[in-house]
Amino acid sequence: MQLLGWQNEKLEQYESSTVRKFRSIFYTILDDAVIEGIIEVNPFNRVPRPLVIEEYNEDDDLDELHSLLSKSTGYKHNFIGIMAFSGARPGELVALKWSDVDFKSESFKIVRT
C-alpha cells in the first residue's frame, strides 16, 4: 500500500510516463534485492502500473494530411485524398472500376479488393 501511495503521489506531480520511468528504476532495485535474498518478493508485482494516456489532437492529423497533400501531385494526390476522406483502403481503391463510380451522387462503391 505504501508503494501505491508513493506512486499516486508522484502521479499528482508528474506525467504518468515519467512516473513509469521512476517506477521502473525502483522496480529494478527491488528485483535486485530479491536476487540478493534481502527480500522474498518484489512488492511492486502487486502495484498496477500507471496508464500512459496520450492526448489526441485532431488538428495535428489534419496538419499532417495537409502537408502530405501539398507535397503530392497527380494521381498520388487524389489517391491520398480519397483514402483520407473516405476510409477506403489502398487495395480497394486500386480495384475500383469506372462502373463503381456514381457521378450523380458523387460516391463510389467498394465491391472488390
PDB file of N, CA and C in Angstrom:
ATOM      1  N   MET A   1       0.829  -1.196   0.000  1.00  0.00           N
ATOM      2  CA  MET A   1       0.000   0.000   0.000  1.00  0.00           C
ATOM      3  C   MET A   1       0.873   1.260   0.000  1.00  0.00           C
ATOM      4  N   GLN A   2       2.022   1.180   0.654  1.00  0.00           N
ATOM      5  CA  GLN A   2       2.909   2.336   0.682  1.00  0.00           C
ATOM      6  C   GLN A   2       3.447   2.650  -0.717  1.00  0.00           C
ATOM      7  N   LEU A   3       3.755   1.600  -1.476  1.00  0.00           N
ATOM      8  CA  LEU A   3       4.244   1.832  -2.841  1.00  0.00           C
ATOM      9  C   LEU A   3       3.156   2.430  -3.724  1.00  0.00           C
ATOM     10  N   LEU A   4       1.930   1.963  -3.558  1.00  0.00           N
ATOM     11  CA  LEU A   4       0.820   2.531  -4.322  1.00  0.00           C
ATOM     12  C   LEU A   4       0.621   3.994  -3.942  1.00  0.00           C
ATOM     13  N   GLY A   5       0.722   4.308  -2.659  1.00  0.00           N
ATOM     14  CA  GLY A   5       0.618   5.692  -2.201  1.00  0.00           C
ATOM     15  C   GLY A   5       1.723   6.555  -2.782  1.00  0.00           C
ATOM     16  N   TRP A   6       2.957   6.007  -2.786  1.00  0.00           N
ATOM     17  CA  TRP A   6       4.090   6.739  -3.370  1.00  0.00           C
ATOM     18  C   TRP A   6       3.834   7.022  -4.848  1.00  0.00           C
ATOM     19  N   GLN A   7       3.366   5.976  -5.567  1.00  0.00           N
ATOM     20  CA  GLN A   7       3.109   6.122  -6.991  1.00  0.00           C
ATOM     21  C   GLN A   7       2.022   7.162  -7.254  1.00  0.00           C
ATOM     22  N   ASN A   8       0.944   7.116  -6.476  1.00  0.00           N
ATOM     23  CA  ASN A   8      -0.150   8.076  -6.658  1.00  0.00           C
ATOM     24  C   ASN A   8       0.301   9.505  -6.338  1.00  0.00           C
ATOM     25  N   GLU A   9       1.155   9.637  -5.351  1.00  0.00           N
ATOM     26  CA  GLU A   9       1.698  10.962  -5.009  1.00  0.00           C
ATOM     27  C   GLU A   9       2.521  11.511  -6.173  1.00  0.00           C
ATOM     28  N   LYS A  10       3.326  10.657  -6.792  1.00  0.00           N
ATOM     29  CA  LYS A  10       4.145  11.081  -7.934  1.00  0.00           C
ATOM     30  C   LYS A  10       3.273  11.426  -9.144  1.00  0.00           C
ATOM     31  N   LEU A  11       2.144  10.707  -9.289  1.00  0.00           N
ATOM     32  CA  LEU A  11       1.241  10.992 -10.404  1.00  0.00           C
ATOM     33  C   LEU A  11       0.611  12.374 -10.295  1.00  0.00           C
ATOM     34  N   GLU A  12       0.520  12.897  -9.097  1.00  0.00           N
ATOM     35  CA  GLU A  12      -0.001  14.256  -8.914  1.00  0.00           C
ATOM     36  C   GLU A  12       1.031  15.305  -9.314  1.00  0.00           C
ATOM     37  N   GLN A  13       2.306  14.924  -9.289  1.00  0.00           N
ATOM     38  CA  GLN A  13       3.391  15.856  -9.586  1.00  0.00           C
ATOM     39  C   GLN A  13       3.905  15.752 -11.024  1.00  0.00           C
ATOM     40  N   TYR A  14       3.846  14.522 -11.592  1.00  0.00           N
ATOM     41  CA  TYR A  14       4.482  14.268 -12.882  1.00  0.00           C
ATOM     42  C   TYR A  14       3.513  13.574 -13.841  1.00  0.00           C
ATOM     43  N   GLU A  15       3.865  13.586 -15.116  1.00  0.00           N
ATOM     44  CA  GLU A  15       3.117  12.851 -16.127  1.00  0.00           C
ATOM     45  C   GLU A  15       3.244  11.357 -15.850  1.00  0.00           C
ATOM     46  N   SER A  16       2.251  10.586 -16.270  1.00  0.00           N
ATOM     47  CA  SER A  16       2.273   9.149 -15.998  1.00  0.00           C
ATOM     48  C   SER A  16       3.464   8.457 -16.659  1.00  0.00           C
ATOM     49  N   SER A  17       3.892   8.933 -17.827  1.00  0.00           N
ATOM     50  CA  SER A  17       5.060   8.319 -18.477  1.00  0.00           C
ATOM     51  C   SER A  17       6.323   8.521 -17.638  1.00  0.00           C
ATOM     52  N   THR A  18       6.444   9.664 -16.978  1.00  0.00           N
ATOM     53  CA  THR A  18       7.592   9.928 -16.112  1.00  0.00           C
ATOM     54  C   THR A  18       7.535   9.051 -14.880  1.00  0.00           C
ATOM     55  N   VAL A  19       6.354   8.890 -14.296  1.00  0.00           N
ATOM     56  CA  VAL A  19       6.200   8.045 -13.111  1.00  0.00           C
ATOM     57  C   VAL A  19       6.528   6.599 -13.467  1.00  0.00           C
ATOM     58  N   ARG A  20       6.178   6.168 -14.661  1.00  0.00           N
ATOM     59  CA  ARG A  20       6.524   4.805 -15.085  1.00  0.00           C
ATOM     60  C   ARG A  20       8.034   4.626 -15.147  1.00  0.00           C
ATOM     61  N   LYS A  21       8.763   5.667 -15.531  1.00  0.00           N
ATOM     62  CA  LYS A  21      10.233   5.580 -15.559  1.00  0.00           C
ATOM     63  C   LYS A  21      10.786   5.487 -14.140  1.00  0.00           C
ATOM     64  N   PHE A  22      10.263   6.316 -13.229  1.00  0.00           N
ATOM     65  CA  PHE A  22      10.668   6.241 -11.823  1.00  0.00           C
ATOM     66  C   PHE A  22      10.415   4.837 -11.287  1.00  0.00           C
ATOM     67  N   ARG A  23       9.220   4.349 -11.560  1.00  0.00           N
ATOM     68  CA  ARG A  23       8.798   3.044 -11.068  1.00  0.00           C
ATOM     69  C   ARG A  23       9.705   1.945 -11.608  1.00  0.00           C
ATOM     70  N   SER A  24      10.098   2.054 -12.874  1.00  0.00           N
ATOM     71  CA  SER A  24      10.960   1.050 -13.491  1.00  0.00           C
ATOM     72  C   SER A  24      12.298   0.950 -12.766  1.00  0.00           C
ATOM     73  N   ILE A  25      12.860   2.084 -12.414  1.00  0.00           N
ATOM     74  CA  ILE A  25      14.129   2.103 -11.675  1.00  0.00           C
ATOM     75  C   ILE A  25      13.938   1.475 -10.302  1.00  0.00           C
ATOM     76  N   PHE A  26      12.884   1.897  -9.608  1.00  0.00           N
ATOM     77  CA  PHE A  26      12.569   1.378  -8.288  1.00  0.00           C
ATOM     78  C   PHE A  26      12.315  -0.132  -8.342  1.00  0.00           C
ATOM     79  N   TYR A  27      11.588  -0.577  -9.367  1.00  0.00           N
ATOM     80  CA  TYR A  27      11.280  -1.992  -9.551  1.00  0.00           C
ATOM     81  C   TYR A  27      12.565  -2.804  -9.710  1.00  0.00           C
ATOM     82  N   THR A  28      13.508  -2.294 -10.503  1.00  0.00           N
ATOM     83  CA  THR A  28      14.775  -2.980 -10.730  1.00  0.00           C
ATOM     84  C   THR A  28      15.580  -3.099  -9.443  1.00  0.00           C
ATOM     85  N   ILE A  29      15.571  -2.043  -8.649  1.00  0.00           N
ATOM     86  CA  ILE A  29      16.276  -2.085  -7.364  1.00  0.00           C
ATOM     87  C   ILE A  29      15.680  -3.177  -6.479  1.00  0.00           C
ATOM     88  N   LEU A  30      14.355  -3.236  -6.419  1.00  0.00           N
ATOM     89  CA  LEU A  30      13.695  -4.242  -5.593  1.00  0.00           C
ATOM     90  C   LEU A  30      13.900  -5.644  -6.160  1.00  0.00           C
ATOM     91  N   ASP A  31      13.962  -5.789  -7.482  1.00  0.00           N
ATOM     92  CA  ASP A  31      14.249  -7.085  -8.094  1.00  0.00           C
ATOM     93  C   ASP A  31      15.646  -7.562  -7.712  1.00  0.00           C
ATOM     94  N   ASP A  32      16.612  -6.635  -7.701  1.00  0.00           N
ATOM     95  CA  ASP A  32      17.970  -6.977  -7.270  1.00  0.00           C
ATOM     96  C   ASP A  32      17.975  -7.427  -5.809  1.00  0.00           C
ATOM     97  N   ALA A  33      17.138  -6.796  -4.995  1.00  0.00           N
ATOM     98  CA  ALA A  33      17.038  -7.183  -3.583  1.00  0.00           C
ATOM     99  C   ALA A  33      16.497  -8.611  -3.449  1.00  0.00           C
ATOM    100  N   VAL A  34      15.580  -8.991  -4.333  1.00  0.00           N
ATOM    101  CA  VAL A  34      15.069 -10.364  -4.331  1.00  0.00           C
ATOM    102  C   VAL A  34      16.183 -11.326  -4.714  1.00  0.00           C
ATOM    103  N   ILE A  35      16.941 -10.992  -5.755  1.00  0.00           N
ATOM    104  CA  ILE A  35      18.048 -11.843  -6.214  1.00  0.00           C
ATOM    105  C   ILE A  35      19.092 -12.010  -5.119  1.00  0.00           C
ATOM    106  N   GLU A  36      19.366 -10.946  -4.381  1.00  0.00           N
ATOM    107  CA  GLU A  36      20.364 -10.986  -3.302  1.00  0.00           C
ATOM    108  C   GLU A  36      19.826 -11.641  -2.025  1.00  0.00           C
ATOM    109  N   GLY A  37      18.552 -11.958  -2.000  1.00  0.00           N
ATOM    110  CA  GLY A  37      17.967 -12.612  -0.831  1.00  0.00           C
ATOM    111  C   GLY A  37      17.619 -11.658   0.303  1.00  0.00           C
ATOM    112  N   ILE A  38      17.595 -10.368   0.012  1.00  0.00           N
ATOM    113  CA  ILE A  38      17.267  -9.373   1.036  1.00  0.00           C
ATOM    114  C   ILE A  38      15.776  -9.372   1.317  1.00  0.00           C
ATOM    115  N   ILE A  39      14.978  -9.512   0.258  1.00  0.00           N
ATOM    116  CA  ILE A  39      13.523  -9.644   0.389  1.00  0.00           C
ATOM    117  C   ILE A  39      13.094 -10.869  -0.417  1.00  0.00           C
ATOM    118  N   GLU A  40      11.919 -11.404  -0.117  1.00  0.00           N
ATOM    119  CA  GLU A  40      11.463 -12.621  -0.794  1.00  0.00           C
ATOM    120  C   GLU A  40      10.730 -12.336  -2.106  1.00  0.00           C
ATOM    121  N   VAL A  41       9.944 -11.253  -2.129  1.00  0.00           N
ATOM    122  CA  VAL A  41       9.118 -10.940  -3.287  1.00  0.00           C
ATOM    123  C   VAL A  41       9.219  -9.446  -3.578  1.00  0.00           C
ATOM    124  N   ASN A  42       9.216  -9.109  -4.872  1.00  0.00           N
ATOM    125  CA  ASN A  42       9.209  -7.703  -5.248  1.00  0.00           C
ATOM    126  C   ASN A  42       7.802  -7.151  -4.991  1.00  0.00           C
ATOM    127  N   PRO A  43       7.653  -6.224  -4.055  1.00  0.00           N
ATOM    128  CA  PRO A  43       6.316  -5.716  -3.735  1.00  0.00           C
ATOM    129  C   PRO A  43       5.651  -4.948  -4.881  1.00  0.00           C
ATOM    130  N   PHE A  44       6.434  -4.504  -5.848  1.00  0.00           N
ATOM    131  CA  PHE A  44       5.838  -3.798  -6.985  1.00  0.00           C
ATOM    132  C   PHE A  44       5.031  -4.739  -7.890  1.00  0.00           C
ATOM    133  N   ASN A  45       5.215  -6.060  -7.730  1.00  0.00           N
ATOM    134  CA  ASN A  45       4.449  -7.011  -8.529  1.00  0.00           C
ATOM    135  C   ASN A  45       2.946  -6.867  -8.304  1.00  0.00           C
ATOM    136  N   ARG A  46       2.555  -6.335  -7.159  1.00  0.00           N
ATOM    137  CA  ARG A  46       1.126  -6.199  -6.839  1.00  0.00           C
ATOM    138  C   ARG A  46       0.598  -4.778  -7.030  1.00  0.00           C
ATOM    139  N   VAL A  47       1.442  -3.879  -7.489  1.00  0.00           N
ATOM    140  CA  VAL A  47       1.033  -2.489  -7.702  1.00  0.00           C
ATOM    141  C   VAL A  47       0.849  -2.265  -9.197  1.00  0.00           C
ATOM    142  N   PRO A  48      -0.372  -1.942  -9.619  1.00  0.00           N
ATOM    143  CA  PRO A  48      -0.587  -1.738 -11.063  1.00  0.00           C
ATOM    144  C   PRO A  48       0.194  -0.534 -11.577  1.00  0.00           C
ATOM    145  N   ARG A  49       0.726  -0.699 -12.805  1.00  0.00           N
ATOM    146  CA  ARG A  49       1.457   0.414 -13.418  1.00  0.00           C
ATOM    147  C   ARG A  49       0.479   1.491 -13.838  1.00  0.00           C
ATOM    148  N   PRO A  50       0.890   2.749 -13.725  1.00  0.00           N
ATOM    149  CA  PRO A  50       0.005   3.825 -14.187  1.00  0.00           C
ATOM    150  C   PRO A  50      -0.138   3.784 -15.705  1.00  0.00           C
ATOM    151  N   LEU A  51      -1.331   4.084 -16.170  1.00  0.00           N
ATOM    152  CA  LEU A  51      -1.585   4.112 -17.604  1.00  0.00           C
ATOM    153  C   LEU A  51      -0.986   5.369 -18.212  1.00  0.00           C
ATOM    154  N   VAL A  52      -0.446   5.215 -19.401  1.00  0.00           N
ATOM    155  CA  VAL A  52       0.058   6.376 -20.135  1.00  0.00           C
ATOM    156  C   VAL A  52      -1.033   6.754 -21.127  1.00  0.00           C
ATOM    157  N   ILE A  53      -1.636   7.911 -20.928  1.00  0.00           N
ATOM    158  CA  ILE A  53      -2.707   8.384 -21.789  1.00  0.00           C
ATOM    159  C   ILE A  53      -2.190   9.574 -22.579  1.00  0.00           C
ATOM    160  N   GLU A  54      -2.123   9.363 -23.880  1.00  0.00           N
ATOM    161  CA  GLU A  54      -1.669  10.451 -24.740  1.00  0.00           C
ATOM    162  C   GLU A  54      -2.882  11.214 -25.237  1.00  0.00           C
ATOM    163  N   GLU A  55      -2.756  12.507 -25.243  1.00  0.00           N
ATOM    164  CA  GLU A  55      -3.855  13.335 -25.742  1.00  0.00           C
ATOM    165  C   GLU A  55      -3.894  13.262 -27.266  1.00  0.00           C
ATOM    166  N   TYR A  56      -5.080  13.065 -27.775  1.00  0.00           N
ATOM    167  CA  TYR A  56      -5.267  13.014 -29.219  1.00  0.00           C
ATOM    168  C   TYR A  56      -5.651  14.397 -29.704  1.00  0.00           C
ATOM    169  N   ASN A  57      -4.932  14.871 -30.680  1.00  0.00           N
ATOM    170  CA  ASN A  57      -5.201  16.188 -31.228  1.00  0.00           C
ATOM    171  C   ASN A  57      -5.512  16.040 -32.713  1.00  0.00           C
ATOM    172  N   GLU A  58      -6.779  16.164 -33.063  1.00  0.00           N
ATOM    173  CA  GLU A  58      -7.217  16.005 -34.450  1.00  0.00           C
ATOM    174  C   GLU A  58      -6.550  17.031 -35.363  1.00  0.00           C
ATOM    175  N   ASP A  59      -6.253  18.203 -34.848  1.00  0.00           N
ATOM    176  CA  ASP A  59      -5.613  19.243 -35.659  1.00  0.00           C
ATOM    177  C   ASP A  59      -4.249  18.796 -36.152  1.00  0.00           C
ATOM    178  N   ASP A  60      -3.513  18.026 -35.325  1.00  0.00           N
ATOM    179  CA  ASP A  60      -2.204  17.526 -35.743  1.00  0.00           C
ATOM    180  C   ASP A  60      -2.348  16.603 -36.945  1.00  0.00           C
ATOM    181  N   ASP A  61      -3.373  15.741 -36.919  1.00  0.00           N
ATOM    182  CA  ASP A  61      -3.612  14.833 -38.040  1.00  0.00           C
ATOM    183  C   ASP A  61      -3.950  15.611 -39.303  1.00  0.00           C
ATOM    184  N   LEU A  62      -4.794  16.629 -39.168  1.00  0.00           N
ATOM    185  CA  LEU A  62      -5.179  17.422 -40.333  1.00  0.00           C
ATOM    186  C   LEU A  62      -4.000  18.206 -40.886  1.00  0.00           C
ATOM    187  N   ASP A  63      -3.151  18.716 -39.997  1.00  0.00           N
ATOM    188  CA  ASP A  63      -1.948  19.426 -40.442  1.00  0.00           C
ATOM    189  C   ASP A  63      -1.024  18.482 -41.213  1.00  0.00           C
ATOM    190  N   GLU A  64      -0.878  17.274 -40.699  1.00  0.00           N
ATOM    191  CA  GLU A  64      -0.019  16.298 -41.361  1.00  0.00           C
ATOM    192  C   GLU A  64      -0.594  15.907 -42.720  1.00  0.00           C
ATOM    193  N   LEU A  65      -1.907  15.699 -42.769  1.00  0.00           N
ATOM    194  CA  LEU A  65      -2.559  15.358 -44.033  1.00  0.00           C
ATOM    195  C   LEU A  65      -2.415  16.503 -45.035  1.00  0.00           C
ATOM    196  N   HIS A  66      -2.631  17.735 -44.581  1.00  0.00           N
ATOM    197  CA  HIS A  66      -2.490  18.896 -45.468  1.00  0.00           C
ATOM    198  C   HIS A  66      -1.060  18.980 -46.010  1.00  0.00           C
ATOM    199  N   SER A  67      -0.083  18.747 -45.155  1.00  0.00           N
ATOM    200  CA  SER A  67       1.319  18.775 -45.583  1.00  0.00           C
ATOM    201  C   SER A  67       1.581  17.696 -46.629  1.00  0.00           C
ATOM    202  N   LEU A  68       1.055  16.503 -46.389  1.00  0.00           N
ATOM    203  CA  LEU A  68       1.234  15.402 -47.330  1.00  0.00           C
ATOM    204  C   LEU A  68       0.573  15.703 -48.672  1.00  0.00           C
ATOM    205  N   LEU A  69      -0.641  16.226 -48.621  1.00  0.00           N
ATOM    206  CA  LEU A  69      -1.349  16.550 -49.859  1.00  0.00           C
ATOM    207  C   LEU A  69      -0.676  17.691 -50.623  1.00  0.00           C
ATOM    208  N   SER A  70      -0.117  18.656 -49.897  1.00  0.00           N
ATOM    209  CA  SER A  70       0.526  19.787 -50.571  1.00  0.00           C
ATOM    210  C   SER A  70       1.820  19.370 -51.271  1.00  0.00           C
ATOM    211  N   LYS A  71       2.392  18.233 -50.859  1.00  0.00           N
ATOM    212  CA  LYS A  71       3.643  17.772 -51.463  1.00  0.00           C
ATOM    213  C   LYS A  71       3.417  16.700 -52.526  1.00  0.00           C
ATOM    214  N   SER A  72       2.163  16.294 -52.707  1.00  0.00           N
ATOM    215  CA  SER A  72       1.886  15.257 -53.701  1.00  0.00           C
ATOM    216  C   SER A  72       1.158  15.874 -54.897  1.00  0.00           C
ATOM    217  N   THR A  73       1.307  15.234 -56.048  1.00  0.00           N
ATOM    218  CA  THR A  73       0.658  15.720 -57.270  1.00  0.00           C
ATOM    219  C   THR A  73       0.034  14.561 -58.017  1.00  0.00           C
ATOM    220  N   GLY A  74      -0.822  14.889 -58.965  1.00  0.00           N
ATOM    221  CA  GLY A  74      -1.395  13.899 -59.856  1.00  0.00           C
ATOM    222  C   GLY A  74      -2.200  12.829 -59.140  1.00  0.00           C
ATOM    223  N   TYR A  75      -2.026  11.595 -59.622  1.00  0.00           N
ATOM    224  CA  TYR A  75      -2.837  10.506 -59.076  1.00  0.00           C
ATOM    225  C   TYR A  75      -2.516  10.247 -57.605  1.00  0.00           C
ATOM    226  N   LYS A  76      -1.273  10.510 -57.181  1.00  0.00           N
ATOM    227  CA  LYS A  76      -0.917  10.297 -55.776  1.00  0.00           C
ATOM    228  C   LYS A  76      -1.704  11.247 -54.874  1.00  0.00           C
ATOM    229  N   HIS A  77      -1.848  12.485 -55.308  1.00  0.00           N
ATOM    230  CA  HIS A  77      -2.620  13.474 -54.556  1.00  0.00           C
ATOM    231  C   HIS A  77      -4.062  12.999 -54.391  1.00  0.00           C
ATOM    232  N   ASN A  78      -4.663  12.564 -55.501  1.00  0.00           N
ATOM    233  CA  ASN A  78      -6.046  12.079 -55.464  1.00  0.00           C
ATOM    234  C   ASN A  78      -6.170  10.811 -54.627  1.00  0.00           C
ATOM    235  N   PHE A  79      -5.219   9.919 -54.790  1.00  0.00           N
ATOM    236  CA  PHE A  79      -5.220   8.644 -54.067  1.00  0.00           C
ATOM    237  C   PHE A  79      -5.193   8.879 -52.556  1.00  0.00           C
ATOM    238  N   ILE A  80      -4.280   9.728 -52.106  1.00  0.00           N
ATOM    239  CA  ILE A  80      -4.148  10.038 -50.681  1.00  0.00           C
ATOM    240  C   ILE A  80      -5.405  10.735 -50.169  1.00  0.00           C
ATOM    241  N   GLY A  81      -5.898  11.704 -50.930  1.00  0.00           N
ATOM    242  CA  GLY A  81      -7.093  12.438 -50.518  1.00  0.00           C
ATOM    243  C   GLY A  81      -8.316  11.542 -50.397  1.00  0.00           C
ATOM    244  N   ILE A  82      -8.519  10.684 -51.381  1.00  0.00           N
ATOM    245  CA  ILE A  82      -9.683   9.782 -51.339  1.00  0.00           C
ATOM    246  C   ILE A  82      -9.563   8.817 -50.159  1.00  0.00           C
ATOM    247  N   MET A  83      -8.368   8.264 -49.939  1.00  0.00           N
ATOM    248  CA  MET A  83      -8.182   7.360 -48.801  1.00  0.00           C
ATOM    249  C   MET A  83      -8.467   8.072 -47.482  1.00  0.00           C
ATOM    250  N   ALA A  84      -7.939   9.281 -47.347  1.00  0.00           N
ATOM    251  CA  ALA A  84      -8.068  10.007 -46.083  1.00  0.00           C
ATOM    252  C   ALA A  84      -9.511  10.364 -45.764  1.00  0.00           C
ATOM    253  N   PHE A  85     -10.276  10.751 -46.770  1.00  0.00           N
ATOM    254  CA  PHE A  85     -11.621  11.248 -46.502  1.00  0.00           C
ATOM    255  C   PHE A  85     -12.727  10.223 -46.702  1.00  0.00           C
ATOM    256  N   SER A  86     -12.384   9.059 -47.282  1.00  0.00           N
ATOM    257  CA  SER A  86     -13.424   8.045 -47.482  1.00  0.00           C
ATOM    258  C   SER A  86     -13.236   6.833 -46.570  1.00  0.00           C
ATOM    259  N   GLY A  87     -12.014   6.615 -46.122  1.00  0.00           N
ATOM    260  CA  GLY A  87     -11.739   5.436 -45.312  1.00  0.00           C
ATOM    261  C   GLY A  87     -11.431   4.210 -46.152  1.00  0.00           C
ATOM    262  N   ALA A  88     -11.383   4.376 -47.464  1.00  0.00           N
ATOM    263  CA  ALA A  88     -11.071   3.247 -48.346  1.00  0.00           C
ATOM    264  C   ALA A  88      -9.614   2.841 -48.174  1.00  0.00           C
ATOM    265  N   ARG A  89      -9.366   1.559 -48.302  1.00  0.00           N
ATOM    266  CA  ARG A  89      -8.006   1.029 -48.212  1.00  0.00           C
ATOM    267  C   ARG A  89      -7.336   1.123 -49.583  1.00  0.00           C
ATOM    268  N   PRO A  90      -5.994   1.122 -49.601  1.00  0.00           N
ATOM    269  CA  PRO A  90      -5.300   1.229 -50.892  1.00  0.00           C
ATOM    270  C   PRO A  90      -5.738   0.159 -51.892  1.00  0.00           C
ATOM    271  N   GLY A  91      -5.823  -1.088 -51.458  1.00  0.00           N
ATOM    272  CA  GLY A  91      -6.217  -2.172 -52.357  1.00  0.00           C
ATOM    273  C   GLY A  91      -7.613  -2.004 -52.918  1.00  0.00           C
ATOM    274  N   GLU A  92      -8.500  -1.424 -52.115  1.00  0.00           N
ATOM    275  CA  GLU A  92      -9.870  -1.186 -52.571  1.00  0.00           C
ATOM    276  C   GLU A  92      -9.905  -0.098 -53.640  1.00  0.00           C
ATOM    277  N   LEU A  93      -9.092   0.923 -53.475  1.00  0.00           N
ATOM    278  CA  LEU A  93      -9.059   1.994 -54.478  1.00  0.00           C
ATOM    279  C   LEU A  93      -8.437   1.509 -55.780  1.00  0.00           C
ATOM    280  N   VAL A  94      -7.389   0.711 -55.677  1.00  0.00           N
ATOM    281  CA  VAL A  94      -6.736   0.201 -56.877  1.00  0.00           C
ATOM    282  C   VAL A  94      -7.690  -0.694 -57.664  1.00  0.00           C
ATOM    283  N   ALA A  95      -8.593  -1.397 -56.954  1.00  0.00           N
ATOM    284  CA  ALA A  95      -9.525  -2.318 -57.613  1.00  0.00           C
ATOM    285  C   ALA A  95     -10.772  -1.624 -58.166  1.00  0.00           C
ATOM    286  N   LEU A  96     -10.924  -0.320 -57.914  1.00  0.00           N
ATOM    287  CA  LEU A  96     -12.105   0.386 -58.425  1.00  0.00           C
ATOM    288  C   LEU A  96     -12.158   0.382 -59.947  1.00  0.00           C
ATOM    289  N   LYS A  97     -13.373   0.291 -60.450  1.00  0.00           N
ATOM    290  CA  LYS A  97     -13.605   0.421 -61.894  1.00  0.00           C
ATOM    291  C   LYS A  97     -14.548   1.600 -62.088  1.00  0.00           C
ATOM    292  N   TRP A  98     -14.590   2.124 -63.309  1.00  0.00           N
ATOM    293  CA  TRP A  98     -15.460   3.268 -63.577  1.00  0.00           C
ATOM    294  C   TRP A  98     -16.912   2.937 -63.269  1.00  0.00           C
ATOM    295  N   SER A  99     -17.284   1.687 -63.428  1.00  0.00           N
ATOM    296  CA  SER A  99     -18.674   1.293 -63.152  1.00  0.00           C
ATOM    297  C   SER A  99     -19.008   1.368 -61.650  1.00  0.00           C
ATOM    298  N   ASP A 100     -17.997   1.450 -60.800  1.00  0.00           N
ATOM    299  CA  ASP A 100     -18.213   1.569 -59.347  1.00  0.00           C
ATOM    300  C   ASP A 100     -18.453   3.012 -58.926  1.00  0.00           C
ATOM    301  N   VAL A 101     -18.231   3.954 -59.840  1.00  0.00           N
ATOM    302  CA  VAL A 101     -18.332   5.378 -59.512  1.00  0.00           C
ATOM    303  C   VAL A 101     -19.677   5.915 -59.985  1.00  0.00           C
ATOM    304  N   ASP A 102     -20.371   6.606 -59.067  1.00  0.00           N
ATOM    305  CA  ASP A 102     -21.652   7.245 -59.401  1.00  0.00           C
ATOM    306  C   ASP A 102     -21.421   8.758 -59.357  1.00  0.00           C
ATOM    307  N   PHE A 103     -21.314   9.362 -60.526  1.00  0.00           N
ATOM    308  CA  PHE A 103     -21.000  10.785 -60.584  1.00  0.00           C
ATOM    309  C   PHE A 103     -22.169  11.658 -60.135  1.00  0.00           C
ATOM    310  N   LYS A 104     -23.401  11.184 -60.311  1.00  0.00           N
ATOM    311  CA  LYS A 104     -24.568  11.959 -59.873  1.00  0.00           C
ATOM    312  C   LYS A 104     -24.573  12.136 -58.363  1.00  0.00           C
ATOM    313  N   SER A 105     -24.381  11.056 -57.646  1.00  0.00           N
ATOM    314  CA  SER A 105     -24.413  11.138 -56.174  1.00  0.00           C
ATOM    315  C   SER A 105     -23.031  11.409 -55.578  1.00  0.00           C
ATOM    316  N   GLU A 106     -22.031  11.538 -56.459  1.00  0.00           N
ATOM    317  CA  GLU A 106     -20.648  11.786 -56.044  1.00  0.00           C
ATOM    318  C   GLU A 106     -20.199  10.747 -55.014  1.00  0.00           C
ATOM    319  N   SER A 107     -20.381   9.486 -55.377  1.00  0.00           N
ATOM    320  CA  SER A 107     -19.988   8.389 -54.483  1.00  0.00           C
ATOM    321  C   SER A 107     -19.415   7.239 -55.295  1.00  0.00           C
ATOM    322  N   PHE A 108     -18.848   6.292 -54.616  1.00  0.00           N
ATOM    323  CA  PHE A 108     -18.374   5.069 -55.259  1.00  0.00           C
ATOM    324  C   PHE A 108     -18.647   3.926 -54.316  1.00  0.00           C
ATOM    325  N   LYS A 109     -18.715   2.725 -54.886  1.00  0.00           N
ATOM    326  CA  LYS A 109     -18.977   1.552 -54.058  1.00  0.00           C
ATOM    327  C   LYS A 109     -17.780   0.611 -54.136  1.00  0.00           C
ATOM    328  N   ILE A 110     -17.448   0.083 -52.975  1.00  0.00           N
ATOM    329  CA  ILE A 110     -16.345  -0.873 -52.867  1.00  0.00           C
ATOM    330  C   ILE A 110     -16.946  -2.270 -53.012  1.00  0.00           C
ATOM    331  N   VAL A 111     -16.560  -2.978 -54.055  1.00  0.00           N
ATOM    332  CA  VAL A 111     -17.092  -4.325 -54.270  1.00  0.00           C
ATOM    333  C   VAL A 111     -15.960  -5.353 -54.454  1.00  0.00           C
ATOM    334  N   ARG A 112     -14.721  -4.898 -54.491  1.00  0.00           N
ATOM    335  CA  ARG A 112     -13.597  -5.822 -54.648  1.00  0.00           C
ATOM    336  C   ARG A 112     -12.336  -5.188 -54.035  1.00  0.00           C
ATOM    337  N   THR A 113     -11.346  -6.009 -53.860  1.00  0.00           N
ATOM    338  CA  THR A 113     -10.088  -5.516 -53.328  1.00  0.00           C
ATOM    339  C   THR A 113      -8.932  -6.107 -54.111  1.00  0.00           C
TER     340      THR A 113
END
